[in-house]
Amino acid sequence: MNAKNFVQLSDNKKLCYAQYGDPDGKPIFLLHGNPGSRLSWGLIPGSPFLPDIRIIAPDRPGYGSTDFKPNALVRWPKDMSELADHLDIDRFSLFAPSGGGPYVLACAWKIPNRLNSTGIFGSVGPNVPEATHGAIKSLKVLWRISNYVLPLIKLQMKITARYARKHPRKLAEKMKELELSEYDKRIFEREEIKSIFAIDFPVAYQQDGIGSAYDTTIPAKWPIPLDKIKSKIYVWHAEQDILVGNMSMYIADKLPNAELISLPGVGHLWILDHMKEVLEKLMIEIQL
């Protein structure tokens, strides 16, 4: 595991990333959710998941050691291109769950020529009723008001960040107290899953949660024209996902070339046990 590498971007911001797996394998960029960091992909059981793959896991803006910048989402495809160029990678696969999903879609929109295969799971999407249906009420309210109360959200994130740095294990334990599906609650009970969050949270929040706060504003100011994305996108949707509701289904419906993979009886944390099959799907696309 090479857990901390930096590239200086053309806007003088720095981007931090980790690498896992085979240095000579097929490159796949994995983007973390909210909260998360580059470390999460090395902590999930089974990492690096498949032989002959090279995982590049960047911290998204405002998380870990990657500098935050305004309009981070629409600027992300350029950052990804510069990171790939730095690593002498021409084309690559790209995947993200949850809060990382919009960043994958931005790349599919802006730099499709760089992508071999693309996938999202349980992705955050636009704040419209068809998409948010099935999500818990507190998140629906957050997506609706976040742009208006962003200073308060930043303050709350700062408090959470301090707690994460001082008491990461306690914060991981508290996660199971959130409003989750029964499926996700069972996932949280496992010791190895608690350990992932206990290690990852202090890194994810080391910039006082600015990246996490920014991500809450994306649904209401959704900038990505889904109908303009022509490349094929694999979209995994957990049918009991009460954190993003039907956002993945909505995204798949709006994309011209999506393959929707619905998963009955599972929730938002399904991905922690199923990265291997997700990557197998993406790797098959490269070989076709």
Foldseek 3Di string as FASTA:
>chain_A
DAAWDWDQAPVRWIKIKGKFADLQAAEEEEEEAVQFARCLQVLQPCPVQDHRYMYIYIGQDPFFRTHHDPPSQLCLLSVVVVVCVVSVQQAHAYEYEALCVSSQLSNLQPPVVRYLAYEYENYAAALDCVFLPLADPVLNVLLVCLVVPLVVVLVVLLVVLVCLQVPLLVVLVCVLVDDFDPQVNVVSVDPSSSVSRSVTSNSGCVSSCPVNSVSSHCNHVPDRQQQSRADEYEYEYECNERNRHRNSVVSQVNHPHYDYHYHYPHYRCPCSVPVNVVVVVRVVSNVD
